[in-house]
C-alpha atoms as a PDB file:
ATOM      1  CA  UNK A   1      58.744 104.399  59.062  1.00  0.00           C
ATOM      2  CA  UNK A   2      56.294 106.588  60.951  1.00  0.00           C
ATOM      3  CA  UNK A   3      56.043 106.194  64.698  1.00  0.00           C
ATOM      4  CA  UNK A   4      52.742 106.054  66.582  1.00  0.00           C
ATOM      5  CA  UNK A   5      52.460 106.193  70.357  1.00  0.00           C
ATOM      6  CA  UNK A   6      49.435 104.297  71.696  1.00  0.00           C
ATOM      7  CA  UNK A   7      48.328 105.683  75.062  1.00  0.00           C
ATOM      8  CA  UNK A   8      45.712 103.610  76.890  1.00  0.00           C
ATOM      9  CA  UNK A   9      45.440 102.081  80.348  1.00  0.00           C
ATOM     10  CA  UNK A  10      43.941  98.922  78.806  1.00  0.00           C
ATOM     11  CA  UNK A  11      46.552  96.370  77.686  1.00  0.00           C
ATOM     12  CA  UNK A  12      43.911  94.800  75.402  1.00  0.00           C
ATOM     13  CA  UNK A  13      43.211  98.083  73.591  1.00  0.00           C
ATOM     14  CA  UNK A  14      46.957  98.729  73.209  1.00  0.00           C
ATOM     15  CA  UNK A  15      47.427  95.253  71.732  1.00  0.00           C
ATOM     16  CA  UNK A  16      44.547  95.667  69.260  1.00  0.00           C
ATOM     17  CA  UNK A  17      45.751  99.153  68.258  1.00  0.00           C
ATOM     18  CA  UNK A  18      49.335  97.881  67.839  1.00  0.00           C
ATOM     19  CA  UNK A  19      48.182  95.100  65.505  1.00  0.00           C
ATOM     20  CA  UNK A  20      46.164  97.536  63.353  1.00  0.00           C
ATOM     21  CA  UNK A  21      48.892 100.192  63.231  1.00  0.00           C
ATOM     22  CA  UNK A  22      51.667  97.717  62.436  1.00  0.00           C
ATOM     23  CA  UNK A  23      49.530  96.458  59.537  1.00  0.00           C
ATOM     24  CA  UNK A  24      49.463 100.101  58.345  1.00  0.00           C
ATOM     25  CA  UNK A  25      53.308 100.116  58.485  1.00  0.00           C
ATOM     26  CA  UNK A  26      53.715 102.129  61.694  1.00  0.00           C
ATOM     27  CA  UNK A  27      56.373 101.583  64.299  1.00  0.00           C
ATOM     28  CA  UNK A  28      54.409 101.405  67.575  1.00  0.00           C
ATOM     29  CA  UNK A  29      55.298 102.232  71.154  1.00  0.00           C
ATOM     30  CA  UNK A  30      52.939 102.134  74.130  1.00  0.00           C
ATOM     31  CA  UNK A  31      52.210 104.038  77.323  1.00  0.00           C
ATOM     32  CA  UNK A  32      49.739 103.212  80.105  1.00  0.00           C
ATOM     33  CA  UNK A  33      48.906 106.794  81.075  1.00  0.00           C
ATOM     34  CA  UNK A  34      49.495 110.394  80.087  1.00  0.00           C
ATOM     35  CA  UNK A  35      52.521 110.893  82.339  1.00  0.00           C
ATOM     36  CA  UNK A  36      54.318 107.887  80.831  1.00  0.00           C
ATOM     37  CA  UNK A  37      53.334 109.095  77.348  1.00  0.00           C
ATOM     38  CA  UNK A  38      54.752 112.563  78.019  1.00  0.00           C
ATOM     39  CA  UNK A  39      58.072 111.012  79.074  1.00  0.00           C
ATOM     40  CA  UNK A  40      58.127 109.008  75.814  1.00  0.00           C
ATOM     41  CA  UNK A  41      57.435 112.148  73.777  1.00  0.00           C
ATOM     42  CA  UNK A  42      60.251 114.023  75.514  1.00  0.00           C
ATOM     43  CA  UNK A  43      62.656 111.229  74.460  1.00  0.00           C
ATOM     44  CA  UNK A  44      61.357 110.878  70.911  1.00  0.00           C
ATOM     45  CA  UNK A  45      58.434 112.794  69.390  1.00  0.00           C
ATOM     46  CA  UNK A  46      56.113 110.460  67.445  1.00  0.00           C
ATOM     47  CA  UNK A  47      54.323 111.381  64.203  1.00  0.00           C
ATOM     48  CA  UNK A  48      51.040 110.175  65.671  1.00  0.00           C
ATOM     49  CA  UNK A  49      49.414 109.577  69.049  1.00  0.00           C
ATOM     50  CA  UNK A  50      46.376 107.347  69.524  1.00  0.00           C
ATOM     51  CA  UNK A  51      45.071 108.624  72.835  1.00  0.00           C
ATOM     52  CA  UNK A  52      42.591 107.342  75.392  1.00  0.00           C
ATOM     53  CA  UNK A  53      40.655 109.903  77.432  1.00  0.00           C
ATOM     54  CA  UNK A  54      40.041 108.216  80.790  1.00  0.00           C
ATOM     55  CA  UNK A  55      43.266 107.011  82.415  1.00  0.00           C
ATOM     56  CA  UNK A  56      44.798 107.081  85.894  1.00  0.00           C
ATOM     57  CA  UNK A  57      47.725 109.388  86.803  1.00  0.00           C
ATOM     58  CA  UNK A  58      47.192 111.792  83.875  1.00  0.00           C
ATOM     59  CA  UNK A  59      44.189 111.611  81.549  1.00  0.00           C
ATOM     60  CA  UNK A  60      44.265 112.116  77.803  1.00  0.00           C
ATOM     61  CA  UNK A  61      43.075 115.717  77.948  1.00  0.00           C
ATOM     62  CA  UNK A  62      45.799 116.732  80.427  1.00  0.00           C
ATOM     63  CA  UNK A  63      48.399 114.861  78.350  1.00  0.00           C
ATOM     64  CA  UNK A  64      47.315 116.605  75.153  1.00  0.00           C
ATOM     65  CA  UNK A  65      47.545 120.073  76.711  1.00  0.00           C
ATOM     66  CA  UNK A  66      51.031 119.243  78.084  1.00  0.00           C
ATOM     67  CA  UNK A  67      52.170 117.681  74.779  1.00  0.00           C
ATOM     68  CA  UNK A  68      51.269 120.799  72.798  1.00  0.00           C
ATOM     69  CA  UNK A  69      53.521 122.854  75.143  1.00  0.00           C
ATOM     70  CA  UNK A  70      56.613 120.691  74.484  1.00  0.00           C
ATOM     71  CA  UNK A  71      59.210 121.680  71.857  1.00  0.00           C
ATOM     72  CA  UNK A  72      57.920 119.977  68.690  1.00  0.00           C
ATOM     73  CA  UNK A  73      54.728 118.986  70.509  1.00  0.00           C
ATOM     74  CA  UNK A  74      52.661 120.755  67.893  1.00  0.00           C
ATOM     75  CA  UNK A  75      53.762 118.229  65.229  1.00  0.00           C
ATOM     76  CA  UNK A  76      52.182 114.872  66.182  1.00  0.00           C
ATOM     77  CA  UNK A  77      48.721 114.131  64.848  1.00  0.00           C
ATOM     78  CA  UNK A  78      46.648 113.263  67.904  1.00  0.00           C
ATOM     79  CA  UNK A  79      43.644 111.007  67.538  1.00  0.00           C
ATOM     80  CA  UNK A  80      41.476 110.634  70.606  1.00  0.00           C
ATOM     81  CA  UNK A  81      40.113 107.140  71.017  1.00  0.00           C
ATOM     82  CA  UNK A  82      37.458 106.917  73.691  1.00  0.00           C
ATOM     83  CA  UNK A  83      34.023 105.836  74.861  1.00  0.00           C
ATOM     84  CA  UNK A  84      33.151 109.497  75.572  1.00  0.00           C
ATOM     85  CA  UNK A  85      30.890 110.393  72.667  1.00  0.00           C
ATOM     86  CA  UNK A  86      29.057 113.522  73.746  1.00  0.00           C
ATOM     87  CA  UNK A  87      29.566 116.721  71.775  1.00  0.00           C
ATOM     88  CA  UNK A  88      31.080 118.587  74.741  1.00  0.00           C
ATOM     89  CA  UNK A  89      33.887 116.015  75.098  1.00  0.00           C
ATOM     90  CA  UNK A  90      34.604 116.087  71.376  1.00  0.00           C
ATOM     91  CA  UNK A  91      34.689 119.900  71.318  1.00  0.00           C
ATOM     92  CA  UNK A  92      36.984 119.962  74.380  1.00  0.00           C
ATOM     93  CA  UNK A  93      39.369 117.473  72.745  1.00  0.00           C
ATOM     94  CA  UNK A  94      39.517 119.438  69.498  1.00  0.00           C
ATOM     95  CA  UNK A  95      40.044 122.728  71.356  1.00  0.00           C
ATOM     96  CA  UNK A  96      42.955 121.160  73.268  1.00  0.00           C
ATOM     97  CA  UNK A  97      44.591 120.301  69.945  1.00  0.00           C
ATOM     98  CA  UNK A  98      43.291 116.863  68.937  1.00  0.00           C
ATOM     99  CA  UNK A  99      43.232 116.277  65.188  1.00  0.00           C
ATOM    100  CA  UNK A 100      40.598 113.542  65.066  1.00  0.00           C
ATOM    101  CA  UNK A 101      38.322 111.394  67.167  1.00  0.00           C
ATOM    102  CA  UNK A 102      37.584 107.635  67.169  1.00  0.00           C
ATOM    103  CA  UNK A 103      34.912 105.884  69.191  1.00  0.00           C
ATOM    104  CA  UNK A 104      35.604 102.623  71.014  1.00  0.00           C
ATOM    105  CA  UNK A 105      35.265  99.882  70.020  1.00  0.00           C
ATOM    106  CA  UNK A 106      37.194 100.539  66.801  1.00  0.00           C
ATOM    107  CA  UNK A 107      38.448  98.377  63.941  1.00  0.00           C
ATOM    108  CA  UNK A 108      41.115  98.589  61.236  1.00  0.00           C
ATOM    109  CA  UNK A 109      38.795 100.360  58.762  1.00  0.00           C
ATOM    110  CA  UNK A 110      37.950 103.154  61.220  1.00  0.00           C
ATOM    111  CA  UNK A 111      41.576 103.664  62.290  1.00  0.00           C
ATOM    112  CA  UNK A 112      42.799 103.645  58.683  1.00  0.00           C
ATOM    113  CA  UNK A 113      40.101 106.145  57.608  1.00  0.00           C
ATOM    114  CA  UNK A 114      40.923 108.576  60.433  1.00  0.00           C
ATOM    115  CA  UNK A 115      44.674 108.288  59.828  1.00  0.00           C
ATOM    116  CA  UNK A 116      44.024 109.034  56.128  1.00  0.00           C
ATOM    117  CA  UNK A 117      41.952 112.091  57.065  1.00  0.00           C
ATOM    118  CA  UNK A 118      44.857 113.586  59.015  1.00  0.00           C
ATOM    119  CA  UNK A 119      47.387 112.673  56.311  1.00  0.00           C
ATOM    120  CA  UNK A 120      49.257 109.865  58.075  1.00  0.00           C
ATOM    121  CA  UNK A 121      48.536 107.066  55.576  1.00  0.00           C
END
């Protein structure tokens, strides 16, 4: 079973994402911010990360840059999931190593389509 780490400071978003990902046969773990997510990745590298941009402690962009420096940190497919929809943000995310981009609010169809695009489902 593939493992997806959901990183978002909103408990509601994490719950919605968990429900969608479990329906797609993923094992799901959660983190409230980038620092917590980095600790999780050091313990066990997931196949996928669904990542919020704006979070306290460490934001999604900082997390992504740090993740890609870890041993094996180049492997997870990272899908940014955010309300930031301007081209500059998207370009910055992709340059930092994101594989895809989802706008909030999202639904099962959008998540499934993006996960298919990056080869996870």
